Structure formats: C-alpha cells, structure tokens
Amino acid sequence: MSNTDYLTVEDFNSLYPTFTVGALRALIFNADKNGFNKVFIRFSPTGKRGRILINVSKFFEWLENQK
C-alpha cells in the first residue's frame, strides 16, 4: 500500500477535479444512506483537528457499483 491510497478531500479533488469538494462532502455527510462509509476513514491525531481520508481504489469501486 502506498501513501497515495488515501487522500484528503482536497487532495482527491486536486487529482480528480470532476469530483468537487462540495460533492465529496455531501457523499460523506450521507454516507450511511449511500454506502459511501466504506470509502473513507476519519483520522484524528491526538490533539489535532480530525481529517477525512478517502481510499482512492475503494472510491472508484464504489462509483462503479452505482450504475
């Protein structure tokens, strides 16, 4: 596994601009309803603000299953 397997929402948007930050955040907000909860993790280092990290391969797998 490489460090590019997980990207922040902003980094994901930079690499794949088709998926806007707002659209990604909407998917995350509704993750329990749309199954997107399998695509990302919440990472919170001690004493720091939490981050959401998107698994790139799982994202595209999830997207493919949305047909």
C-alpha atoms as a PDB file:
ATOM      1  CA  MET A   1       0.000   0.000   0.000  1.00  0.00           C
ATOM      2  CA  SER A   2       1.350   3.430  -0.866  1.00  0.00           C
ATOM      3  CA  ASN A   3       0.648   6.747   0.789  1.00  0.00           C
ATOM      4  CA  THR A   4      -1.432   7.763  -2.238  1.00  0.00           C
ATOM      5  CA  ASP A   5      -4.032   5.097  -1.462  1.00  0.00           C
ATOM      6  CA  TYR A   6      -5.619   7.592   0.928  1.00  0.00           C
ATOM      7  CA  LEU A   7      -6.144  11.251   0.069  1.00  0.00           C
ATOM      8  CA  THR A   8      -7.763  14.156   1.859  1.00  0.00           C
ATOM      9  CA  VAL A   9     -10.916  15.549   0.285  1.00  0.00           C
ATOM     10  CA  GLU A  10      -8.952  18.499  -1.073  1.00  0.00           C
ATOM     11  CA  ASP A  11      -6.146  16.332  -2.490  1.00  0.00           C
ATOM     12  CA  PHE A  12      -8.682  13.987  -4.075  1.00  0.00           C
ATOM     13  CA  ASN A  13     -10.336  16.983  -5.735  1.00  0.00           C
ATOM     14  CA  SER A  14      -6.954  18.213  -6.991  1.00  0.00           C
ATOM     15  CA  LEU A  15      -6.232  14.883  -8.686  1.00  0.00           C
ATOM     16  CA  TYR A  16      -9.814  14.270  -9.846  1.00  0.00           C
ATOM     17  CA  PRO A  17     -11.398  17.724 -10.350  1.00  0.00           C
ATOM     18  CA  THR A  18     -14.583  16.172 -11.737  1.00  0.00           C
ATOM     19  CA  PHE A  19     -15.476  15.419  -8.113  1.00  0.00           C
ATOM     20  CA  THR A  20     -15.860  18.766  -6.366  1.00  0.00           C
ATOM     21  CA  VAL A  21     -15.115  19.261  -2.681  1.00  0.00           C
ATOM     22  CA  GLY A  22     -18.804  20.038  -2.103  1.00  0.00           C
ATOM     23  CA  ALA A  23     -19.939  16.860  -3.847  1.00  0.00           C
ATOM     24  CA  LEU A  24     -17.463  14.748  -1.881  1.00  0.00           C
ATOM     25  CA  ARG A  25     -18.571  16.331   1.403  1.00  0.00           C
ATOM     26  CA  ALA A  26     -22.219  15.637   0.502  1.00  0.00           C
ATOM     27  CA  LEU A  27     -21.345  11.981  -0.133  1.00  0.00           C
ATOM     28  CA  ILE A  28     -19.572  11.833   3.230  1.00  0.00           C
ATOM     29  CA  PHE A  29     -22.465  13.554   5.040  1.00  0.00           C
ATOM     30  CA  ASN A  30     -24.922  10.996   3.611  1.00  0.00           C
ATOM     31  CA  ALA A  31     -22.545   8.024   3.868  1.00  0.00           C
ATOM     32  CA  ASP A  32     -24.880   5.877   5.967  1.00  0.00           C
ATOM     33  CA  LYS A  33     -27.574   6.168   3.305  1.00  0.00           C
ATOM     34  CA  ASN A  34     -25.468   5.808   0.162  1.00  0.00           C
ATOM     35  CA  GLY A  35     -22.855   3.253   1.250  1.00  0.00           C
ATOM     36  CA  PHE A  36     -20.011   5.765   0.968  1.00  0.00           C
ATOM     37  CA  ASN A  37     -18.944   4.943   4.553  1.00  0.00           C
ATOM     38  CA  LYS A  38     -16.881   2.071   3.096  1.00  0.00           C
ATOM     39  CA  VAL A  39     -14.808   4.544   1.068  1.00  0.00           C
ATOM     40  CA  PHE A  40     -13.335   6.859   3.712  1.00  0.00           C
ATOM     41  CA  ILE A  41     -11.940   6.912   7.226  1.00  0.00           C
ATOM     42  CA  ARG A  42     -11.901   9.633   9.849  1.00  0.00           C
ATOM     43  CA  PHE A  43      -8.388  10.218  11.124  1.00  0.00           C
ATOM     44  CA  SER A  44      -7.784  12.343  14.179  1.00  0.00           C
ATOM     45  CA  PRO A  45      -4.239  12.637  15.511  1.00  0.00           C
ATOM     46  CA  THR A  46      -4.118  13.357  19.221  1.00  0.00           C
ATOM     47  CA  GLY A  47      -4.934  16.971  19.942  1.00  0.00           C
ATOM     48  CA  LYS A  48      -5.417  17.820  16.280  1.00  0.00           C
ATOM     49  CA  ARG A  49      -8.450  18.549  14.149  1.00  0.00           C
ATOM     50  CA  GLY A  50      -9.831  15.394  12.529  1.00  0.00           C
ATOM     51  CA  ARG A  51      -9.256  14.636   8.864  1.00  0.00           C
ATOM     52  CA  ILE A  52     -11.236  12.613   6.393  1.00  0.00           C
ATOM     53  CA  LEU A  53      -9.170  10.362   4.162  1.00  0.00           C
ATOM     54  CA  ILE A  54     -10.632   8.842   1.008  1.00  0.00           C
ATOM     55  CA  ASN A  55      -9.397   5.459  -0.183  1.00  0.00           C
ATOM     56  CA  VAL A  56      -8.903   6.018  -3.908  1.00  0.00           C
ATOM     57  CA  SER A  57      -9.379   2.430  -5.082  1.00  0.00           C
ATOM     58  CA  LYS A  58     -12.474   1.949  -2.898  1.00  0.00           C
ATOM     59  CA  PHE A  59     -13.902   5.222  -4.205  1.00  0.00           C
ATOM     60  CA  PHE A  60     -13.755   4.062  -7.813  1.00  0.00           C
ATOM     61  CA  GLU A  61     -15.051   0.632  -6.836  1.00  0.00           C
ATOM     62  CA  TRP A  62     -17.990   2.325  -5.065  1.00  0.00           C
ATOM     63  CA  LEU A  63     -18.548   4.576  -8.084  1.00  0.00           C
ATOM     64  CA  GLU A  64     -18.602   1.600 -10.454  1.00  0.00           C
ATOM     65  CA  ASN A  65     -21.259  -0.063  -8.286  1.00  0.00           C
ATOM     66  CA  GLN A  66     -23.533   2.998  -8.548  1.00  0.00           C
ATOM     67  CA  LYS A  67     -24.553   2.186 -12.135  1.00  0.00           C
END
